[in-house]
Amino acid sequence: MLAFGDATPMPTPSMTVDPESVTPGFVGFAIVVVLVAVVVLLIWDMNRRIRRVRYRAEVREELDAEEAAARDAGEAAPQGDDDGDDSDRTR
């Protein structure tokens, strides 16, 4: 009966491929650098667009609040083409 430690050792595999021929080389490095640059630019542009949308929402909320306050105070916006000139009115 064979014990676990009595087994013959397994041979270690030898390298059949040259390690230099399977490396990505300069082309692989250049592709990775270009991909990193593209991702950084996309993130920068996305942050800029999100910030712009957030600012527009803040301005819209401020304008809505001002309009509601004016409506509550009874200061309705002038209607029609009233430029304050009374010369064309009849007496």
PDB file of N, CA and C in Angstrom:
ATOM      1  N   MET A   1       0.838  -1.166   0.000  1.00  0.00           N
ATOM      2  CA  MET A   1       0.000   0.000   0.000  1.00  0.00           C
ATOM      3  C   MET A   1       0.889   1.237   0.000  1.00  0.00           C
ATOM      4  N   LEU A   2       0.578   2.192  -0.900  1.00  0.00           N
ATOM      5  CA  LEU A   2       1.377   3.405  -1.022  1.00  0.00           C
ATOM      6  C   LEU A   2       0.828   4.484  -0.109  1.00  0.00           C
ATOM      7  N   ALA A   3       1.679   5.152   0.563  1.00  0.00           N
ATOM      8  CA  ALA A   3       1.278   6.282   1.397  1.00  0.00           C
ATOM      9  C   ALA A   3       1.318   7.548   0.535  1.00  0.00           C
ATOM     10  N   PHE A   4       0.705   8.579   1.040  1.00  0.00           N
ATOM     11  CA  PHE A   4       0.624   9.828   0.291  1.00  0.00           C
ATOM     12  C   PHE A   4       2.004  10.403   0.005  1.00  0.00           C
ATOM     13  N   GLY A   5       2.902  10.342   0.910  1.00  0.00           N
ATOM     14  CA  GLY A   5       4.237  10.902   0.740  1.00  0.00           C
ATOM     15  C   GLY A   5       5.152  10.032  -0.082  1.00  0.00           C
ATOM     16  N   ASP A   6       4.783   8.781  -0.358  1.00  0.00           N
ATOM     17  CA  ASP A   6       5.646   7.856  -1.080  1.00  0.00           C
ATOM     18  C   ASP A   6       5.509   7.985  -2.597  1.00  0.00           C
ATOM     19  N   ALA A   7       4.595   8.807  -3.086  1.00  0.00           N
ATOM     20  CA  ALA A   7       4.382   8.913  -4.524  1.00  0.00           C
ATOM     21  C   ALA A   7       5.591   9.543  -5.187  1.00  0.00           C
ATOM     22  N   THR A   8       5.791   9.203  -6.430  1.00  0.00           N
ATOM     23  CA  THR A   8       6.927   9.768  -7.150  1.00  0.00           C
ATOM     24  C   THR A   8       6.660  11.240  -7.442  1.00  0.00           C
ATOM     25  N   PRO A   9       7.654  12.086  -7.357  1.00  0.00           N
ATOM     26  CA  PRO A   9       7.436  13.517  -7.578  1.00  0.00           C
ATOM     27  C   PRO A   9       7.084  13.800  -9.043  1.00  0.00           C
ATOM     28  N   MET A  10       6.222  14.793  -9.219  1.00  0.00           N
ATOM     29  CA  MET A  10       5.807  15.193 -10.559  1.00  0.00           C
ATOM     30  C   MET A  10       6.903  16.055 -11.175  1.00  0.00           C
ATOM     31  N   PRO A  11       7.182  15.869 -12.440  1.00  0.00           N
ATOM     32  CA  PRO A  11       8.207  16.698 -13.067  1.00  0.00           C
ATOM     33  C   PRO A  11       7.685  18.125 -13.269  1.00  0.00           C
ATOM     34  N   THR A  12       8.549  19.105 -13.117  1.00  0.00           N
ATOM     35  CA  THR A  12       8.148  20.499 -13.337  1.00  0.00           C
ATOM     36  C   THR A  12       8.138  20.761 -14.832  1.00  0.00           C
ATOM     37  N   PRO A  13       7.099  21.453 -15.308  1.00  0.00           N
ATOM     38  CA  PRO A  13       7.033  21.721 -16.746  1.00  0.00           C
ATOM     39  C   PRO A  13       8.114  22.722 -17.153  1.00  0.00           C
ATOM     40  N   SER A  14       8.629  22.530 -18.313  1.00  0.00           N
ATOM     41  CA  SER A  14       9.654  23.452 -18.812  1.00  0.00           C
ATOM     42  C   SER A  14       9.005  24.462 -19.747  1.00  0.00           C
ATOM     43  N   MET A  15       9.604  25.645 -19.845  1.00  0.00           N
ATOM     44  CA  MET A  15       9.088  26.705 -20.714  1.00  0.00           C
ATOM     45  C   MET A  15       9.374  26.332 -22.161  1.00  0.00           C
ATOM     46  N   THR A  16       8.316  26.343 -22.969  1.00  0.00           N
ATOM     47  CA  THR A  16       8.493  26.043 -24.391  1.00  0.00           C
ATOM     48  C   THR A  16       8.364  27.307 -25.239  1.00  0.00           C
ATOM     49  N   VAL A  17       7.892  28.412 -24.624  1.00  0.00           N
ATOM     50  CA  VAL A  17       7.693  29.655 -25.355  1.00  0.00           C
ATOM     51  C   VAL A  17       8.649  30.703 -24.785  1.00  0.00           C
ATOM     52  N   ASP A  18       9.217  31.485 -25.678  1.00  0.00           N
ATOM     53  CA  ASP A  18      10.113  32.563 -25.246  1.00  0.00           C
ATOM     54  C   ASP A  18       9.288  33.642 -24.546  1.00  0.00           C
ATOM     55  N   PRO A  19       9.580  34.011 -23.284  1.00  0.00           N
ATOM     56  CA  PRO A  19       8.794  35.018 -22.560  1.00  0.00           C
ATOM     57  C   PRO A  19       8.786  36.380 -23.252  1.00  0.00           C
ATOM     58  N   GLU A  20       9.809  36.713 -24.021  1.00  0.00           N
ATOM     59  CA  GLU A  20       9.857  38.000 -24.711  1.00  0.00           C
ATOM     60  C   GLU A  20       8.888  38.068 -25.884  1.00  0.00           C
ATOM     61  N   SER A  21       8.522  36.922 -26.452  1.00  0.00           N
ATOM     62  CA  SER A  21       7.644  36.943 -27.613  1.00  0.00           C
ATOM     63  C   SER A  21       6.173  37.045 -27.240  1.00  0.00           C
ATOM     64  N   VAL A  22       5.815  36.879 -25.967  1.00  0.00           N
ATOM     65  CA  VAL A  22       4.413  36.943 -25.556  1.00  0.00           C
ATOM     66  C   VAL A  22       4.101  38.198 -24.747  1.00  0.00           C
ATOM     67  N   THR A  23       5.039  39.108 -24.596  1.00  0.00           N
ATOM     68  CA  THR A  23       4.767  40.356 -23.880  1.00  0.00           C
ATOM     69  C   THR A  23       4.080  41.339 -24.825  1.00  0.00           C
ATOM     70  N   PRO A  24       3.277  42.251 -24.286  1.00  0.00           N
ATOM     71  CA  PRO A  24       2.566  43.189 -25.151  1.00  0.00           C
ATOM     72  C   PRO A  24       3.496  44.172 -25.854  1.00  0.00           C
ATOM     73  N   GLY A  25       4.630  44.477 -25.279  1.00  0.00           N
ATOM     74  CA  GLY A  25       5.585  45.374 -25.917  1.00  0.00           C
ATOM     75  C   GLY A  25       5.107  46.817 -25.928  1.00  0.00           C
ATOM     76  N   PHE A  26       5.701  47.597 -26.808  1.00  0.00           N
ATOM     77  CA  PHE A  26       5.383  49.023 -26.890  1.00  0.00           C
ATOM     78  C   PHE A  26       3.961  49.263 -27.390  1.00  0.00           C
ATOM     79  N   VAL A  27       3.493  48.458 -28.321  1.00  0.00           N
ATOM     80  CA  VAL A  27       2.152  48.637 -28.883  1.00  0.00           C
ATOM     81  C   VAL A  27       1.101  48.467 -27.785  1.00  0.00           C
ATOM     82  N   GLY A  28       1.237  47.444 -26.969  1.00  0.00           N
ATOM     83  CA  GLY A  28       0.302  47.232 -25.868  1.00  0.00           C
ATOM     84  C   GLY A  28       0.345  48.370 -24.868  1.00  0.00           C
ATOM     85  N   PHE A  29       1.539  48.851 -24.553  1.00  0.00           N
ATOM     86  CA  PHE A  29       1.677  49.976 -23.634  1.00  0.00           C
ATOM     87  C   PHE A  29       1.022  51.230 -24.209  1.00  0.00           C
ATOM     88  N   ALA A  30       1.207  51.485 -25.493  1.00  0.00           N
ATOM     89  CA  ALA A  30       0.626  52.669 -26.131  1.00  0.00           C
ATOM     90  C   ALA A  30      -0.901  52.586 -26.124  1.00  0.00           C
ATOM     91  N   ILE A  31      -1.440  51.403 -26.379  1.00  0.00           N
ATOM     92  CA  ILE A  31      -2.895  51.237 -26.365  1.00  0.00           C
ATOM     93  C   ILE A  31      -3.451  51.503 -24.974  1.00  0.00           C
ATOM     94  N   VAL A  32      -2.784  50.998 -23.951  1.00  0.00           N
ATOM     95  CA  VAL A  32      -3.236  51.226 -22.569  1.00  0.00           C
ATOM     96  C   VAL A  32      -3.175  52.709 -22.225  1.00  0.00           C
ATOM     97  N   VAL A  33      -2.125  53.407 -22.636  1.00  0.00           N
ATOM     98  CA  VAL A  33      -2.005  54.841 -22.360  1.00  0.00           C
ATOM     99  C   VAL A  33      -3.122  55.613 -23.060  1.00  0.00           C
ATOM    100  N   VAL A  34      -3.424  55.259 -24.307  1.00  0.00           N
ATOM    101  CA  VAL A  34      -4.506  55.932 -25.039  1.00  0.00           C
ATOM    102  C   VAL A  34      -5.837  55.661 -24.355  1.00  0.00           C
ATOM    103  N   LEU A  35      -6.093  54.433 -23.948  1.00  0.00           N
ATOM    104  CA  LEU A  35      -7.346  54.107 -23.256  1.00  0.00           C
ATOM    105  C   LEU A  35      -7.482  54.877 -21.943  1.00  0.00           C
ATOM    106  N   VAL A  36      -6.417  54.991 -21.193  1.00  0.00           N
ATOM    107  CA  VAL A  36      -6.455  55.751 -19.940  1.00  0.00           C
ATOM    108  C   VAL A  36      -6.753  57.214 -20.221  1.00  0.00           C
ATOM    109  N   ALA A  37      -6.126  57.781 -21.234  1.00  0.00           N
ATOM    110  CA  ALA A  37      -6.374  59.184 -21.586  1.00  0.00           C
ATOM    111  C   ALA A  37      -7.824  59.399 -21.997  1.00  0.00           C
ATOM    112  N   VAL A  38      -8.382  58.477 -22.785  1.00  0.00           N
ATOM    113  CA  VAL A  38      -9.773  58.597 -23.225  1.00  0.00           C
ATOM    114  C   VAL A  38     -10.715  58.511 -22.032  1.00  0.00           C
ATOM    115  N   VAL A  39     -10.466  57.592 -21.123  1.00  0.00           N
ATOM    116  CA  VAL A  39     -11.320  57.447 -19.937  1.00  0.00           C
ATOM    117  C   VAL A  39     -11.249  58.704 -19.074  1.00  0.00           C
ATOM    118  N   VAL A  40     -10.068  59.266 -18.883  1.00  0.00           N
ATOM    119  CA  VAL A  40      -9.928  60.488 -18.083  1.00  0.00           C
ATOM    120  C   VAL A  40     -10.691  61.633 -18.744  1.00  0.00           C
ATOM    121  N   LEU A  41     -10.588  61.775 -20.042  1.00  0.00           N
ATOM    122  CA  LEU A  41     -11.311  62.840 -20.740  1.00  0.00           C
ATOM    123  C   LEU A  41     -12.824  62.636 -20.663  1.00  0.00           C
ATOM    124  N   LEU A  42     -13.285  61.409 -20.768  1.00  0.00           N
ATOM    125  CA  LEU A  42     -14.719  61.135 -20.649  1.00  0.00           C
ATOM    126  C   LEU A  42     -15.243  61.459 -19.256  1.00  0.00           C
ATOM    127  N   ILE A  43     -14.472  61.108 -18.224  1.00  0.00           N
ATOM    128  CA  ILE A  43     -14.880  61.418 -16.850  1.00  0.00           C
ATOM    129  C   ILE A  43     -14.909  62.925 -16.649  1.00  0.00           C
ATOM    130  N   TRP A  44     -13.931  63.633 -17.171  1.00  0.00           N
ATOM    131  CA  TRP A  44     -13.887  65.095 -17.043  1.00  0.00           C
ATOM    132  C   TRP A  44     -15.104  65.726 -17.715  1.00  0.00           C
ATOM    133  N   ASP A  45     -15.433  65.271 -18.922  1.00  0.00           N
ATOM    134  CA  ASP A  45     -16.577  65.809 -19.648  1.00  0.00           C
ATOM    135  C   ASP A  45     -17.885  65.473 -18.936  1.00  0.00           C
ATOM    136  N   MET A  46     -17.999  64.267 -18.406  1.00  0.00           N
ATOM    137  CA  MET A  46     -19.211  63.873 -17.690  1.00  0.00           C
ATOM    138  C   MET A  46     -19.405  64.744 -16.455  1.00  0.00           C
ATOM    139  N   ASN A  47     -18.342  64.990 -15.704  1.00  0.00           N
ATOM    140  CA  ASN A  47     -18.446  65.850 -14.521  1.00  0.00           C
ATOM    141  C   ASN A  47     -18.865  67.263 -14.902  1.00  0.00           C
ATOM    142  N   ARG A  48     -18.348  67.771 -16.004  1.00  0.00           N
ATOM    143  CA  ARG A  48     -18.707  69.111 -16.463  1.00  0.00           C
ATOM    144  C   ARG A  48     -20.182  69.172 -16.828  1.00  0.00           C
ATOM    145  N   ARG A  49     -20.679  68.167 -17.516  1.00  0.00           N
ATOM    146  CA  ARG A  49     -22.089  68.143 -17.907  1.00  0.00           C
ATOM    147  C   ARG A  49     -23.006  67.990 -16.694  1.00  0.00           C
ATOM    148  N   ILE A  50     -22.633  67.151 -15.752  1.00  0.00           N
ATOM    149  CA  ILE A  50     -23.445  66.974 -14.542  1.00  0.00           C
ATOM    150  C   ILE A  50     -23.481  68.271 -13.743  1.00  0.00           C
ATOM    151  N   ARG A  51     -22.339  68.955 -13.634  1.00  0.00           N
ATOM    152  CA  ARG A  51     -22.288  70.219 -12.917  1.00  0.00           C
ATOM    153  C   ARG A  51     -23.183  71.258 -13.585  1.00  0.00           C
ATOM    154  N   ARG A  52     -23.173  71.302 -14.926  1.00  0.00           N
ATOM    155  CA  ARG A  52     -24.001  72.247 -15.666  1.00  0.00           C
ATOM    156  C   ARG A  52     -25.486  71.968 -15.432  1.00  0.00           C
ATOM    157  N   VAL A  53     -25.885  70.718 -15.435  1.00  0.00           N
ATOM    158  CA  VAL A  53     -27.282  70.357 -15.192  1.00  0.00           C
ATOM    159  C   VAL A  53     -27.683  70.741 -13.769  1.00  0.00           C
ATOM    160  N   ARG A  54     -26.788  70.512 -12.813  1.00  0.00           N
ATOM    161  CA  ARG A  54     -27.077  70.865 -11.420  1.00  0.00           C
ATOM    162  C   ARG A  54     -27.255  72.376 -11.268  1.00  0.00           C
ATOM    163  N   TYR A  55     -26.386  73.162 -11.907  1.00  0.00           N
ATOM    164  CA  TYR A  55     -26.513  74.620 -11.819  1.00  0.00           C
ATOM    165  C   TYR A  55     -27.802  75.103 -12.472  1.00  0.00           C
ATOM    166  N   ARG A  56     -28.164  74.506 -13.606  1.00  0.00           N
ATOM    167  CA  ARG A  56     -29.418  74.897 -14.258  1.00  0.00           C
ATOM    168  C   ARG A  56     -30.609  74.595 -13.357  1.00  0.00           C
ATOM    169  N   ALA A  57     -30.579  73.475 -12.671  1.00  0.00           N
ATOM    170  CA  ALA A  57     -31.675  73.119 -11.765  1.00  0.00           C
ATOM    171  C   ALA A  57     -31.744  74.103 -10.599  1.00  0.00           C
ATOM    172  N   GLU A  58     -30.582  74.505 -10.070  1.00  0.00           N
ATOM    173  CA  GLU A  58     -30.566  75.471  -8.975  1.00  0.00           C
ATOM    174  C   GLU A  58     -31.133  76.818  -9.419  1.00  0.00           C
ATOM    175  N   VAL A  59     -30.747  77.270 -10.610  1.00  0.00           N
ATOM    176  CA  VAL A  59     -31.247  78.546 -11.121  1.00  0.00           C
ATOM    177  C   VAL A  59     -32.751  78.448 -11.361  1.00  0.00           C
ATOM    178  N   ARG A  60     -33.206  77.334 -11.905  1.00  0.00           N
ATOM    179  CA  ARG A  60     -34.637  77.145 -12.151  1.00  0.00           C
ATOM    180  C   ARG A  60     -35.418  77.180 -10.831  1.00  0.00           C
ATOM    181  N   GLU A  61     -34.877  76.547  -9.777  1.00  0.00           N
ATOM    182  CA  GLU A  61     -35.534  76.575  -8.472  1.00  0.00           C
ATOM    183  C   GLU A  61     -35.586  77.990  -7.910  1.00  0.00           C
ATOM    184  N   GLU A  62     -34.502  78.750  -8.071  1.00  0.00           N
ATOM    185  CA  GLU A  62     -34.487  80.130  -7.586  1.00  0.00           C
ATOM    186  C   GLU A  62     -35.513  80.980  -8.329  1.00  0.00           C
ATOM    187  N   LEU A  63     -35.599  80.815  -9.651  1.00  0.00           N
ATOM    188  CA  LEU A  63     -36.574  81.579 -10.428  1.00  0.00           C
ATOM    189  C   LEU A  63     -37.998  81.201 -10.042  1.00  0.00           C
ATOM    190  N   ASP A  64     -38.252  79.921  -9.822  1.00  0.00           N
ATOM    191  CA  ASP A  64     -39.576  79.488  -9.392  1.00  0.00           C
ATOM    192  C   ASP A  64     -39.922  80.062  -8.022  1.00  0.00           C
ATOM    193  N   ALA A  65     -38.939  80.101  -7.116  1.00  0.00           N
ATOM    194  CA  ALA A  65     -39.184  80.655  -5.787  1.00  0.00           C
ATOM    195  C   ALA A  65     -39.474  82.155  -5.867  1.00  0.00           C
ATOM    196  N   GLU A  66     -38.733  82.879  -6.709  1.00  0.00           N
ATOM    197  CA  GLU A  66     -38.981  84.313  -6.877  1.00  0.00           C
ATOM    198  C   GLU A  66     -40.358  84.559  -7.486  1.00  0.00           C
ATOM    199  N   GLU A  67     -40.736  83.744  -8.460  1.00  0.00           N
ATOM    200  CA  GLU A  67     -42.041  83.894  -9.088  1.00  0.00           C
ATOM    201  C   GLU A  67     -43.159  83.601  -8.092  1.00  0.00           C
ATOM    202  N   ALA A  68     -42.984  82.586  -7.264  1.00  0.00           N
ATOM    203  CA  ALA A  68     -43.996  82.267  -6.258  1.00  0.00           C
ATOM    204  C   ALA A  68     -44.091  83.372  -5.218  1.00  0.00           C
ATOM    205  N   ALA A  69     -42.954  83.944  -4.834  1.00  0.00           N
ATOM    206  CA  ALA A  69     -42.965  85.030  -3.853  1.00  0.00           C
ATOM    207  C   ALA A  69     -43.647  86.265  -4.445  1.00  0.00           C
ATOM    208  N   ALA A  70     -43.409  86.553  -5.710  1.00  0.00           N
ATOM    209  CA  ALA A  70     -44.043  87.701  -6.353  1.00  0.00           C
ATOM    210  C   ALA A  70     -45.547  87.468  -6.475  1.00  0.00           C
ATOM    211  N   ARG A  71     -45.948  86.245  -6.767  1.00  0.00           N
ATOM    212  CA  ARG A  71     -47.358  85.928  -6.886  1.00  0.00           C
ATOM    213  C   ARG A  71     -48.047  86.051  -5.520  1.00  0.00           C
ATOM    214  N   ASP A  72     -47.371  85.614  -4.468  1.00  0.00           N
ATOM    215  CA  ASP A  72     -47.930  85.698  -3.117  1.00  0.00           C
ATOM    216  C   ASP A  72     -48.042  87.146  -2.652  1.00  0.00           C
ATOM    217  N   ALA A  73     -47.115  87.991  -3.071  1.00  0.00           N
ATOM    218  CA  ALA A  73     -47.124  89.391  -2.658  1.00  0.00           C
ATOM    219  C   ALA A  73     -48.077  90.221  -3.517  1.00  0.00           C
ATOM    220  N   GLY A  74     -48.666  89.630  -4.527  1.00  0.00           N
ATOM    221  CA  GLY A  74     -49.605  90.342  -5.372  1.00  0.00           C
ATOM    222  C   GLY A  74     -48.941  91.151  -6.450  1.00  0.00           C
ATOM    223  N   GLU A  75     -47.693  90.907  -6.687  1.00  0.00           N
ATOM    224  CA  GLU A  75     -46.966  91.631  -7.727  1.00  0.00           C
ATOM    225  C   GLU A  75     -46.971  90.789  -8.998  1.00  0.00           C
ATOM    226  N   ALA A  76     -48.058  90.853  -9.696  1.00  0.00           N
ATOM    227  CA  ALA A  76     -48.152  90.093 -10.934  1.00  0.00           C
ATOM    228  C   ALA A  76     -47.292  90.768 -11.994  1.00  0.00           C
ATOM    229  N   ALA A  77     -46.737  89.987 -12.842  1.00  0.00           N
ATOM    230  CA  ALA A  77     -45.923  90.536 -13.924  1.00  0.00           C
ATOM    231  C   ALA A  77     -46.829  91.320 -14.856  1.00  0.00           C
ATOM    232  N   PRO A  78     -46.360  92.455 -15.409  1.00  0.00           N
ATOM    233  CA  PRO A  78     -47.193  93.251 -16.316  1.00  0.00           C
ATOM    234  C   PRO A  78     -47.566  92.431 -17.538  1.00  0.00           C
ATOM    235  N   GLN A  79     -48.804  92.576 -17.957  1.00  0.00           N
ATOM    236  CA  GLN A  79     -49.273  91.836 -19.115  1.00  0.00           C
ATOM    237  C   GLN A  79     -49.417  92.786 -20.288  1.00  0.00           C
ATOM    238  N   GLY A  80     -49.254  92.306 -21.458  1.00  0.00           N
ATOM    239  CA  GLY A  80     -49.392  93.134 -22.652  1.00  0.00           C
ATOM    240  C   GLY A  80     -48.138  93.909 -22.954  1.00  0.00           C
ATOM    241  N   ASP A  81     -48.293  94.918 -23.809  1.00  0.00           N
ATOM    242  CA  ASP A  81     -47.160  95.720 -24.244  1.00  0.00           C
ATOM    243  C   ASP A  81     -47.202  97.061 -23.532  1.00  0.00           C
ATOM    244  N   ASP A  82     -47.000  97.070 -22.233  1.00  0.00           N
ATOM    245  CA  ASP A  82     -47.066  98.288 -21.440  1.00  0.00           C
ATOM    246  C   ASP A  82     -45.652  98.744 -21.134  1.00  0.00           C
ATOM    247  N   ASP A  83     -45.216  99.821 -21.795  1.00  0.00           N
ATOM    248  CA  ASP A  83     -43.869 100.325 -21.564  1.00  0.00           C
ATOM    249  C   ASP A  83     -43.873 101.565 -20.679  1.00  0.00           C
ATOM    250  N   GLY A  84     -45.021 101.884 -20.081  1.00  0.00           N
ATOM    251  CA  GLY A  84     -45.099 103.017 -19.174  1.00  0.00           C
ATOM    252  C   GLY A  84     -45.394 104.323 -19.866  1.00  0.00           C
ATOM    253  N   ASP A  85     -45.583 104.339 -21.158  1.00  0.00           N
ATOM    254  CA  ASP A  85     -45.851 105.559 -21.913  1.00  0.00           C
ATOM    255  C   ASP A  85     -47.364 105.756 -22.017  1.00  0.00           C
ATOM    256  N   ASP A  86     -47.877 106.865 -21.458  1.00  0.00           N
ATOM    257  CA  ASP A  86     -49.318 107.124 -21.452  1.00  0.00           C
ATOM    258  C   ASP A  86     -49.757 108.000 -22.602  1.00  0.00           C
ATOM    259  N   SER A  87     -48.896 108.300 -23.574  1.00  0.00           N
ATOM    260  CA  SER A  87     -49.233 109.245 -24.636  1.00  0.00           C
ATOM    261  C   SER A  87     -50.294 108.698 -25.593  1.00  0.00           C
ATOM    262  N   ASP A  88     -50.419 107.385 -25.715  1.00  0.00           N
ATOM    263  CA  ASP A  88     -51.382 106.853 -26.662  1.00  0.00           C
ATOM    264  C   ASP A  88     -52.751 106.549 -26.017  1.00  0.00           C
ATOM    265  N   ARG A  89     -52.924 106.820 -24.745  1.00  0.00           N
ATOM    266  CA  ARG A  89     -54.192 106.563 -24.074  1.00  0.00           C
ATOM    267  C   ARG A  89     -55.167 107.750 -24.280  1.00  0.00           C
ATOM    268  N   THR A  90     -56.427 107.435 -24.343  1.00  0.00           N
ATOM    269  CA  THR A  90     -57.437 108.487 -24.478  1.00  0.00           C
ATOM    270  C   THR A  90     -57.902 108.912 -23.105  1.00  0.00           C
ATOM    271  N   ARG A  91     -58.305 110.186 -22.989  1.00  0.00           N
ATOM    272  CA  ARG A  91     -58.748 110.694 -21.694  1.00  0.00           C
ATOM    273  C   ARG A  91     -60.212 110.653 -21.544  1.00  0.00           C
TER     274      ARG A  91
END
